[in-house]
Amino acid sequence: MELTWISIIILICSGIIVGFINTLAGGGTVISISVFMFFGLPPLVANGTNRIAIIFQNLTAVAYFQKNKCIDWHRILHLGIPIVLGSLTGAFIAGYISNRWFHYIFAGVIVIFGISMLLNPNKYIHERTDLVNRKVTPLQYMVFFLLGIYGGFVHVGIGYLLLAVLVLMNGYDLLKANVLKNVLVLSYVPFSLLIYALQGNVCWSFGLIHAIGNIIGAGLAARLAIKKGAPFIRYIVLILIVIVILQIFGIITPNIKT
């Protein structure tokens, strides 16, 4: 489909919403892929194209977080390697098998994540220094490799999965977990984008225009995250989790084929 002024405006406006949601929590990819498919892109191409905007969105957020000295680069170096390797694996298999079983894994994790956040809010607001200062374990390497596979393959909802692991397994509060989440996503998405591009599953014009909105939305969200802190992020995540659960149970049905 050729780009028109109307389609450009829709892509930028949806990008603002997606960039804001993804930077604070996750799940905005549902909107991106739905918009791309509305304009006629096949699901696999929509999935690949979305990664262009994700790169620019996370570059914006990470730059702001780095400016405010919020990034634990030492931990990123350890967690980034397995997630990058996993994303390469996931991107390679994306064109060959159904992602429906990933949907069920995501559904289970997101429900548990939401319940845990309601029942034990302090765990998400206050950092657990015993876990934060602990060396990265073999189990954590494996978990982040699996998260990379999911991100390279599907990506939808990867923000929630990363937040859950970074809080429950690594001990970070939601603000620091959210910062690390954005850096980790930025570390692997360029590699998976390259594979999608080599397979011919990227529409650059749509992705770059959508990215304009993502940059704006990510910038707004990063500033709010720093200003408001973990309690604010918790409320935003809870609201978005409710929306995701409604999608899982078919009450809200986004236009995505799996």
C-alpha atoms as a PDB file:
ATOM      1  CA  MET A   1       0.000   0.000   0.000  1.00  0.00           C
ATOM      2  CA  GLU A   2       1.244   3.468  -0.874  1.00  0.00           C
ATOM      3  CA  LEU A   3       1.736   6.000   1.874  1.00  0.00           C
ATOM      4  CA  THR A   4      -0.746   8.894   2.044  1.00  0.00           C
ATOM      5  CA  TRP A   5      -0.944  11.815   4.452  1.00  0.00           C
ATOM      6  CA  ILE A   6      -3.724  10.011   6.320  1.00  0.00           C
ATOM      7  CA  SER A   7      -1.691   6.818   6.690  1.00  0.00           C
ATOM      8  CA  ILE A   8       1.373   8.847   7.772  1.00  0.00           C
ATOM      9  CA  ILE A   9      -0.646  10.621  10.471  1.00  0.00           C
ATOM     10  CA  ILE A  10      -2.106   7.305  11.688  1.00  0.00           C
ATOM     11  CA  LEU A  11       1.333   5.705  11.823  1.00  0.00           C
ATOM     12  CA  ILE A  12       2.854   8.595  13.783  1.00  0.00           C
ATOM     13  CA  CYS A  13      -0.076   8.902  16.223  1.00  0.00           C
ATOM     14  CA  SER A  14      -0.156   5.157  16.884  1.00  0.00           C
ATOM     15  CA  GLY A  15       3.623   5.274  17.315  1.00  0.00           C
ATOM     16  CA  ILE A  16       3.287   7.859  20.097  1.00  0.00           C
ATOM     17  CA  ILE A  17       0.885   5.584  21.978  1.00  0.00           C
ATOM     18  CA  VAL A  18       3.026   2.489  21.389  1.00  0.00           C
ATOM     19  CA  GLY A  19       6.267   4.220  22.394  1.00  0.00           C
ATOM     20  CA  PHE A  20       4.687   5.438  25.621  1.00  0.00           C
ATOM     21  CA  ILE A  21       3.201   2.039  26.535  1.00  0.00           C
ATOM     22  CA  ASN A  22       6.292   0.017  25.629  1.00  0.00           C
ATOM     23  CA  THR A  23       8.676   2.285  27.521  1.00  0.00           C
ATOM     24  CA  LEU A  24       6.683   2.119  30.754  1.00  0.00           C
ATOM     25  CA  ALA A  25       5.566  -1.522  30.560  1.00  0.00           C
ATOM     26  CA  GLY A  26       4.967  -3.462  27.336  1.00  0.00           C
ATOM     27  CA  GLY A  27       2.243  -4.717  25.034  1.00  0.00           C
ATOM     28  CA  GLY A  28       2.269  -1.790  22.629  1.00  0.00           C
ATOM     29  CA  THR A  29       3.421  -4.116  19.863  1.00  0.00           C
ATOM     30  CA  VAL A  30      -0.170  -5.373  19.649  1.00  0.00           C
ATOM     31  CA  ILE A  31      -1.159  -1.908  18.438  1.00  0.00           C
ATOM     32  CA  SER A  32       1.785  -1.615  16.044  1.00  0.00           C
ATOM     33  CA  ILE A  33       1.192  -4.941  14.350  1.00  0.00           C
ATOM     34  CA  SER A  34      -2.566  -4.300  14.152  1.00  0.00           C
ATOM     35  CA  VAL A  35      -1.933  -0.951  12.438  1.00  0.00           C
ATOM     36  CA  PHE A  36       0.574  -2.441   9.997  1.00  0.00           C
ATOM     37  CA  MET A  37      -1.815  -5.263   9.116  1.00  0.00           C
ATOM     38  CA  PHE A  38      -4.659  -2.751   8.697  1.00  0.00           C
ATOM     39  CA  PHE A  39      -2.537  -1.136   5.980  1.00  0.00           C
ATOM     40  CA  GLY A  40      -2.084  -4.487   4.278  1.00  0.00           C
ATOM     41  CA  LEU A  41       1.215  -5.858   5.573  1.00  0.00           C
ATOM     42  CA  PRO A  42       1.286  -9.655   6.106  1.00  0.00           C
ATOM     43  CA  PRO A  43       1.645 -10.718   9.771  1.00  0.00           C
ATOM     44  CA  LEU A  44       5.293 -11.786   9.431  1.00  0.00           C
ATOM     45  CA  VAL A  45       6.228  -8.541   7.643  1.00  0.00           C
ATOM     46  CA  ALA A  46       4.317  -6.520  10.247  1.00  0.00           C
ATOM     47  CA  ASN A  47       6.265  -8.313  12.979  1.00  0.00           C
ATOM     48  CA  GLY A  48       9.576  -7.547  11.288  1.00  0.00           C
ATOM     49  CA  THR A  49       8.681  -3.947  10.412  1.00  0.00           C
ATOM     50  CA  ASN A  50       7.701  -3.205  14.004  1.00  0.00           C
ATOM     51  CA  ARG A  51      11.298  -3.755  15.104  1.00  0.00           C
ATOM     52  CA  ILE A  52      12.442  -0.610  13.315  1.00  0.00           C
ATOM     53  CA  ALA A  53      10.287   1.563  15.553  1.00  0.00           C
ATOM     54  CA  ILE A  54      11.278  -0.458  18.626  1.00  0.00           C
ATOM     55  CA  ILE A  55      14.948   0.355  18.038  1.00  0.00           C
ATOM     56  CA  PHE A  56      14.329   4.105  17.836  1.00  0.00           C
ATOM     57  CA  GLN A  57      11.908   3.990  20.757  1.00  0.00           C
ATOM     58  CA  ASN A  58      14.400   2.250  23.016  1.00  0.00           C
ATOM     59  CA  LEU A  59      17.309   4.401  21.854  1.00  0.00           C
ATOM     60  CA  THR A  60      15.312   7.421  23.017  1.00  0.00           C
ATOM     61  CA  ALA A  61      14.423   5.890  26.393  1.00  0.00           C
ATOM     62  CA  VAL A  62      17.924   4.516  27.030  1.00  0.00           C
ATOM     63  CA  ALA A  63      19.553   7.854  26.185  1.00  0.00           C
ATOM     64  CA  TYR A  64      17.345   9.592  28.727  1.00  0.00           C
ATOM     65  CA  PHE A  65      17.932   6.940  31.398  1.00  0.00           C
ATOM     66  CA  GLN A  66      21.692   7.105  30.788  1.00  0.00           C
ATOM     67  CA  LYS A  67      21.602  10.887  31.101  1.00  0.00           C
ATOM     68  CA  ASN A  68      20.070  10.391  34.547  1.00  0.00           C
ATOM     69  CA  LYS A  69      22.618   7.644  35.409  1.00  0.00           C
ATOM     70  CA  CYS A  70      19.976   4.954  35.953  1.00  0.00           C
ATOM     71  CA  ILE A  71      21.546   2.062  34.005  1.00  0.00           C
ATOM     72  CA  ASP A  72      23.389  -0.847  35.628  1.00  0.00           C
ATOM     73  CA  TRP A  73      25.748  -1.557  32.709  1.00  0.00           C
ATOM     74  CA  HIS A  74      27.617  -4.294  34.567  1.00  0.00           C
ATOM     75  CA  ARG A  75      24.447  -6.380  34.874  1.00  0.00           C
ATOM     76  CA  ILE A  76      23.433  -5.548  31.306  1.00  0.00           C
ATOM     77  CA  LEU A  77      26.669  -7.077  29.989  1.00  0.00           C
ATOM     78  CA  HIS A  78      25.846 -10.364  31.701  1.00  0.00           C
ATOM     79  CA  LEU A  79      22.148 -10.517  30.796  1.00  0.00           C
ATOM     80  CA  GLY A  80      22.487  -9.030  27.319  1.00  0.00           C
ATOM     81  CA  ILE A  81      24.552 -11.888  25.846  1.00  0.00           C
ATOM     82  CA  PRO A  82      22.033 -14.720  26.453  1.00  0.00           C
ATOM     83  CA  ILE A  83      19.084 -12.583  25.384  1.00  0.00           C
ATOM     84  CA  VAL A  84      20.828 -11.620  22.112  1.00  0.00           C
ATOM     85  CA  LEU A  85      21.693 -15.254  21.369  1.00  0.00           C
ATOM     86  CA  GLY A  86      18.120 -16.260  22.142  1.00  0.00           C
ATOM     87  CA  SER A  87      16.691 -13.546  19.900  1.00  0.00           C
ATOM     88  CA  LEU A  88      18.793 -14.749  16.960  1.00  0.00           C
ATOM     89  CA  THR A  89      17.404 -18.237  17.476  1.00  0.00           C
ATOM     90  CA  GLY A  90      13.838 -16.942  17.736  1.00  0.00           C
ATOM     91  CA  ALA A  91      14.114 -14.776  14.626  1.00  0.00           C
ATOM     92  CA  PHE A  92      15.483 -17.690  12.568  1.00  0.00           C
ATOM     93  CA  ILE A  93      12.559 -19.960  13.455  1.00  0.00           C
ATOM     94  CA  ALA A  94       9.892 -17.234  13.172  1.00  0.00           C
ATOM     95  CA  GLY A  95       9.020 -18.073   9.584  1.00  0.00           C
ATOM     96  CA  TYR A  96       8.726 -21.818  10.115  1.00  0.00           C
ATOM     97  CA  ILE A  97       6.550 -22.609  13.138  1.00  0.00           C
ATOM     98  CA  SER A  98       3.382 -21.264  14.747  1.00  0.00           C
ATOM     99  CA  ASN A  99       3.705 -18.895  17.678  1.00  0.00           C
ATOM    100  CA  ARG A 100       0.512 -20.139  19.356  1.00  0.00           C
ATOM    101  CA  TRP A 101       2.353 -22.078  22.053  1.00  0.00           C
ATOM    102  CA  PHE A 102       4.279 -18.896  22.920  1.00  0.00           C
ATOM    103  CA  HIS A 103       0.885 -17.269  23.405  1.00  0.00           C
ATOM    104  CA  TYR A 104      -0.025 -19.787  26.108  1.00  0.00           C
ATOM    105  CA  ILE A 105       3.299 -19.286  27.904  1.00  0.00           C
ATOM    106  CA  PHE A 106       2.806 -15.533  27.815  1.00  0.00           C
ATOM    107  CA  ALA A 107      -0.783 -15.868  29.074  1.00  0.00           C
ATOM    108  CA  GLY A 108       0.307 -17.880  32.108  1.00  0.00           C
ATOM    109  CA  VAL A 109       3.166 -15.551  33.026  1.00  0.00           C
ATOM    110  CA  ILE A 110       1.140 -12.363  32.677  1.00  0.00           C
ATOM    111  CA  VAL A 111      -1.686 -13.643  34.893  1.00  0.00           C
ATOM    112  CA  ILE A 112       0.771 -14.728  37.611  1.00  0.00           C
ATOM    113  CA  PHE A 113       2.630 -11.422  37.275  1.00  0.00           C
ATOM    114  CA  GLY A 114      -0.563  -9.406  37.726  1.00  0.00           C
ATOM    115  CA  ILE A 115      -1.743 -11.407  40.748  1.00  0.00           C
ATOM    116  CA  SER A 116       1.680 -11.134  42.386  1.00  0.00           C
ATOM    117  CA  MET A 117       1.729  -7.368  41.847  1.00  0.00           C
ATOM    118  CA  LEU A 118      -1.649  -7.034  43.562  1.00  0.00           C
ATOM    119  CA  LEU A 119      -0.909  -9.335  46.487  1.00  0.00           C
ATOM    120  CA  ASN A 120       2.643  -8.189  47.218  1.00  0.00           C
ATOM    121  CA  PRO A 121       3.099  -4.599  45.949  1.00  0.00           C
ATOM    122  CA  ASN A 122       6.153  -3.886  48.125  1.00  0.00           C
ATOM    123  CA  LYS A 123       8.179  -6.411  46.144  1.00  0.00           C
ATOM    124  CA  TYR A 124       7.747  -4.204  43.063  1.00  0.00           C
ATOM    125  CA  ILE A 125       8.381  -0.872  44.779  1.00  0.00           C
ATOM    126  CA  HIS A 126      11.357  -1.703  47.008  1.00  0.00           C
ATOM    127  CA  GLU A 127      14.616  -3.159  45.694  1.00  0.00           C
ATOM    128  CA  ARG A 128      15.907  -6.452  47.142  1.00  0.00           C
ATOM    129  CA  THR A 129      19.626  -5.784  47.462  1.00  0.00           C
ATOM    130  CA  ASP A 130      20.446  -9.427  48.270  1.00  0.00           C
ATOM    131  CA  LEU A 131      19.236 -10.467  44.808  1.00  0.00           C
ATOM    132  CA  VAL A 132      20.537  -7.385  42.994  1.00  0.00           C
ATOM    133  CA  ASN A 133      24.080  -7.888  44.323  1.00  0.00           C
ATOM    134  CA  ARG A 134      24.132 -11.631  43.695  1.00  0.00           C
ATOM    135  CA  LYS A 135      26.153 -12.929  40.760  1.00  0.00           C
ATOM    136  CA  VAL A 136      24.196 -13.975  37.692  1.00  0.00           C
ATOM    137  CA  THR A 137      23.322 -17.666  38.036  1.00  0.00           C
ATOM    138  CA  PRO A 138      23.208 -20.345  35.307  1.00  0.00           C
ATOM    139  CA  LEU A 139      19.406 -20.398  35.727  1.00  0.00           C
ATOM    140  CA  GLN A 140      19.239 -16.674  35.005  1.00  0.00           C
ATOM    141  CA  TYR A 141      21.357 -17.112  31.878  1.00  0.00           C
ATOM    142  CA  MET A 142      18.951 -19.814  30.686  1.00  0.00           C
ATOM    143  CA  VAL A 143      15.861 -17.741  31.489  1.00  0.00           C
ATOM    144  CA  PHE A 144      17.167 -14.726  29.569  1.00  0.00           C
ATOM    145  CA  PHE A 145      18.124 -16.947  26.639  1.00  0.00           C
ATOM    146  CA  LEU A 146      14.522 -18.211  26.531  1.00  0.00           C
ATOM    147  CA  LEU A 147      13.238 -14.653  26.806  1.00  0.00           C
ATOM    148  CA  GLY A 148      15.455 -13.790  23.855  1.00  0.00           C
ATOM    149  CA  ILE A 149      13.889 -16.593  21.812  1.00  0.00           C
ATOM    150  CA  TYR A 150      10.444 -15.233  22.618  1.00  0.00           C
ATOM    151  CA  GLY A 151      11.505 -11.674  21.787  1.00  0.00           C
ATOM    152  CA  GLY A 152      13.168 -12.641  18.517  1.00  0.00           C
ATOM    153  CA  PHE A 153      10.171 -14.741  17.498  1.00  0.00           C
ATOM    154  CA  VAL A 154       7.047 -12.957  18.744  1.00  0.00           C
ATOM    155  CA  HIS A 155       8.102  -9.901  20.790  1.00  0.00           C
ATOM    156  CA  VAL A 156       4.478  -9.108  21.750  1.00  0.00           C
ATOM    157  CA  GLY A 157       4.440  -8.667  25.530  1.00  0.00           C
ATOM    158  CA  ILE A 158       8.189  -9.153  26.024  1.00  0.00           C
ATOM    159  CA  GLY A 159       8.212  -6.078  28.274  1.00  0.00           C
ATOM    160  CA  TYR A 160       5.973  -7.756  30.836  1.00  0.00           C
ATOM    161  CA  LEU A 161       8.053 -10.928  30.824  1.00  0.00           C
ATOM    162  CA  LEU A 162      11.278  -8.984  31.317  1.00  0.00           C
ATOM    163  CA  LEU A 163       9.766  -6.896  34.120  1.00  0.00           C
ATOM    164  CA  ALA A 164       8.534 -10.019  35.881  1.00  0.00           C
ATOM    165  CA  VAL A 165      11.942 -11.719  35.739  1.00  0.00           C
ATOM    166  CA  LEU A 166      13.930  -8.602  36.629  1.00  0.00           C
ATOM    167  CA  VAL A 167      11.748  -7.985  39.701  1.00  0.00           C
ATOM    168  CA  LEU A 168      11.057 -11.527  40.932  1.00  0.00           C
ATOM    169  CA  MET A 169      14.348 -13.204  40.012  1.00  0.00           C
ATOM    170  CA  ASN A 170      16.829 -10.301  40.022  1.00  0.00           C
ATOM    171  CA  GLY A 171      15.352  -8.226  42.851  1.00  0.00           C
ATOM    172  CA  TYR A 172      15.041  -4.820  41.133  1.00  0.00           C
ATOM    173  CA  ASP A 173      12.241  -2.390  41.920  1.00  0.00           C
ATOM    174  CA  LEU A 174       9.943  -1.555  39.016  1.00  0.00           C
ATOM    175  CA  LEU A 175      11.767   1.655  38.089  1.00  0.00           C
ATOM    176  CA  LYS A 176      15.196   0.003  37.759  1.00  0.00           C
ATOM    177  CA  ALA A 177      13.663  -3.104  36.172  1.00  0.00           C
ATOM    178  CA  ASN A 178      11.960  -0.888  33.607  1.00  0.00           C
ATOM    179  CA  VAL A 179      15.256   0.833  32.795  1.00  0.00           C
ATOM    180  CA  LEU A 180      17.046  -2.494  32.331  1.00  0.00           C
ATOM    181  CA  LYS A 181      14.144  -3.813  30.264  1.00  0.00           C
ATOM    182  CA  ASN A 182      14.536  -0.996  27.748  1.00  0.00           C
ATOM    183  CA  VAL A 183      18.296  -1.555  27.482  1.00  0.00           C
ATOM    184  CA  LEU A 184      17.919  -5.321  27.049  1.00  0.00           C
ATOM    185  CA  VAL A 185      15.300  -4.912  24.330  1.00  0.00           C
ATOM    186  CA  LEU A 186      17.609  -2.463  22.547  1.00  0.00           C
ATOM    187  CA  SER A 187      20.456  -4.989  22.796  1.00  0.00           C
ATOM    188  CA  TYR A 188      18.701  -7.738  20.847  1.00  0.00           C
ATOM    189  CA  VAL A 189      16.170  -6.104  18.498  1.00  0.00           C
ATOM    190  CA  PRO A 190      18.752  -4.888  15.908  1.00  0.00           C
ATOM    191  CA  PHE A 191      19.965  -8.475  15.445  1.00  0.00           C
ATOM    192  CA  SER A 192      16.462  -9.877  14.969  1.00  0.00           C
ATOM    193  CA  LEU A 193      15.609  -6.966  12.637  1.00  0.00           C
ATOM    194  CA  LEU A 194      18.627  -7.874  10.501  1.00  0.00           C
ATOM    195  CA  ILE A 195      17.400 -11.443  10.130  1.00  0.00           C
ATOM    196  CA  TYR A 196      13.854 -10.335   9.251  1.00  0.00           C
ATOM    197  CA  ALA A 197      15.311  -7.903   6.708  1.00  0.00           C
ATOM    198  CA  LEU A 198      17.501 -10.578   5.107  1.00  0.00           C
ATOM    199  CA  GLN A 199      14.396 -12.755   4.789  1.00  0.00           C
ATOM    200  CA  GLY A 200      12.544  -9.883   3.081  1.00  0.00           C
ATOM    201  CA  ASN A 201      10.082  -9.401   5.927  1.00  0.00           C
ATOM    202  CA  VAL A 202      10.539  -5.661   6.615  1.00  0.00           C
ATOM    203  CA  CYS A 203       8.726  -2.632   5.148  1.00  0.00           C
ATOM    204  CA  TRP A 204      11.180   0.192   5.805  1.00  0.00           C
ATOM    205  CA  SER A 205       8.942   3.128   4.867  1.00  0.00           C
ATOM    206  CA  PHE A 206       6.157   2.139   7.262  1.00  0.00           C
ATOM    207  CA  GLY A 207       8.607   1.276  10.033  1.00  0.00           C
ATOM    208  CA  LEU A 208      10.567   4.527   9.853  1.00  0.00           C
ATOM    209  CA  ILE A 209       7.460   6.714   9.840  1.00  0.00           C
ATOM    210  CA  HIS A 210       5.969   4.766  12.746  1.00  0.00           C
ATOM    211  CA  ALA A 211       9.279   5.295  14.564  1.00  0.00           C
ATOM    212  CA  ILE A 212       8.746   9.065  14.597  1.00  0.00           C
ATOM    213  CA  GLY A 213       5.797   8.580  16.924  1.00  0.00           C
ATOM    214  CA  ASN A 214       7.615   5.962  18.980  1.00  0.00           C
ATOM    215  CA  ILE A 215      10.430   8.416  19.694  1.00  0.00           C
ATOM    216  CA  ILE A 216       7.972  11.027  20.972  1.00  0.00           C
ATOM    217  CA  GLY A 217       6.069   8.518  23.114  1.00  0.00           C
ATOM    218  CA  ALA A 218       9.244   6.989  24.549  1.00  0.00           C
ATOM    219  CA  GLY A 219      10.635  10.386  25.492  1.00  0.00           C
ATOM    220  CA  LEU A 220       7.462  11.314  27.370  1.00  0.00           C
ATOM    221  CA  ALA A 221       7.335   7.957  29.159  1.00  0.00           C
ATOM    222  CA  ALA A 222      11.000   7.998  30.215  1.00  0.00           C
ATOM    223  CA  ARG A 223      10.586  11.430  31.777  1.00  0.00           C
ATOM    224  CA  LEU A 224       7.461  10.335  33.655  1.00  0.00           C
ATOM    225  CA  ALA A 225       9.174   7.154  34.883  1.00  0.00           C
ATOM    226  CA  ILE A 226      12.092   9.091  36.378  1.00  0.00           C
ATOM    227  CA  LYS A 227       9.837  11.776  37.857  1.00  0.00           C
ATOM    228  CA  LYS A 228       7.127   9.512  39.328  1.00  0.00           C
ATOM    229  CA  GLY A 229       9.157   6.409  40.239  1.00  0.00           C
ATOM    230  CA  ALA A 230       8.213   2.768  40.876  1.00  0.00           C
ATOM    231  CA  PRO A 231       4.701   3.304  42.379  1.00  0.00           C
ATOM    232  CA  PHE A 232       3.581   5.179  39.251  1.00  0.00           C
ATOM    233  CA  ILE A 233       4.974   2.466  36.971  1.00  0.00           C
ATOM    234  CA  ARG A 234       3.182  -0.189  39.048  1.00  0.00           C
ATOM    235  CA  TYR A 235      -0.213   1.449  38.460  1.00  0.00           C
ATOM    236  CA  ILE A 236       0.434   1.786  34.729  1.00  0.00           C
ATOM    237  CA  VAL A 237       1.555  -1.847  34.472  1.00  0.00           C
ATOM    238  CA  LEU A 238      -1.509  -3.068  36.391  1.00  0.00           C
ATOM    239  CA  ILE A 239      -3.854  -1.183  34.059  1.00  0.00           C
ATOM    240  CA  LEU A 240      -2.121  -2.590  30.992  1.00  0.00           C
ATOM    241  CA  ILE A 241      -2.094  -6.116  32.464  1.00  0.00           C
ATOM    242  CA  VAL A 242      -5.883  -5.943  32.858  1.00  0.00           C
ATOM    243  CA  ILE A 243      -6.142  -5.017  29.164  1.00  0.00           C
ATOM    244  CA  VAL A 244      -3.821  -7.892  28.197  1.00  0.00           C
ATOM    245  CA  ILE A 245      -5.838 -10.382  30.276  1.00  0.00           C
ATOM    246  CA  LEU A 246      -9.027  -9.198  28.545  1.00  0.00           C
ATOM    247  CA  GLN A 247      -7.297  -9.875  25.233  1.00  0.00           C
ATOM    248  CA  ILE A 248      -6.169 -13.326  26.372  1.00  0.00           C
ATOM    249  CA  PHE A 249      -9.728 -14.316  27.260  1.00  0.00           C
ATOM    250  CA  GLY A 250     -11.126 -12.912  24.012  1.00  0.00           C
ATOM    251  CA  ILE A 251     -13.054  -9.998  25.521  1.00  0.00           C
ATOM    252  CA  ILE A 252     -10.865  -7.635  23.485  1.00  0.00           C
ATOM    253  CA  THR A 253      -9.801  -9.070  20.144  1.00  0.00           C
ATOM    254  CA  PRO A 254      -6.944  -7.266  18.349  1.00  0.00           C
ATOM    255  CA  ASN A 255      -6.560  -8.018  14.653  1.00  0.00           C
ATOM    256  CA  ILE A 256      -3.526 -10.298  14.885  1.00  0.00           C
ATOM    257  CA  LYS A 257      -3.230 -13.711  13.283  1.00  0.00           C
ATOM    258  CA  THR A 258      -1.211 -16.329  15.096  1.00  0.00           C
END
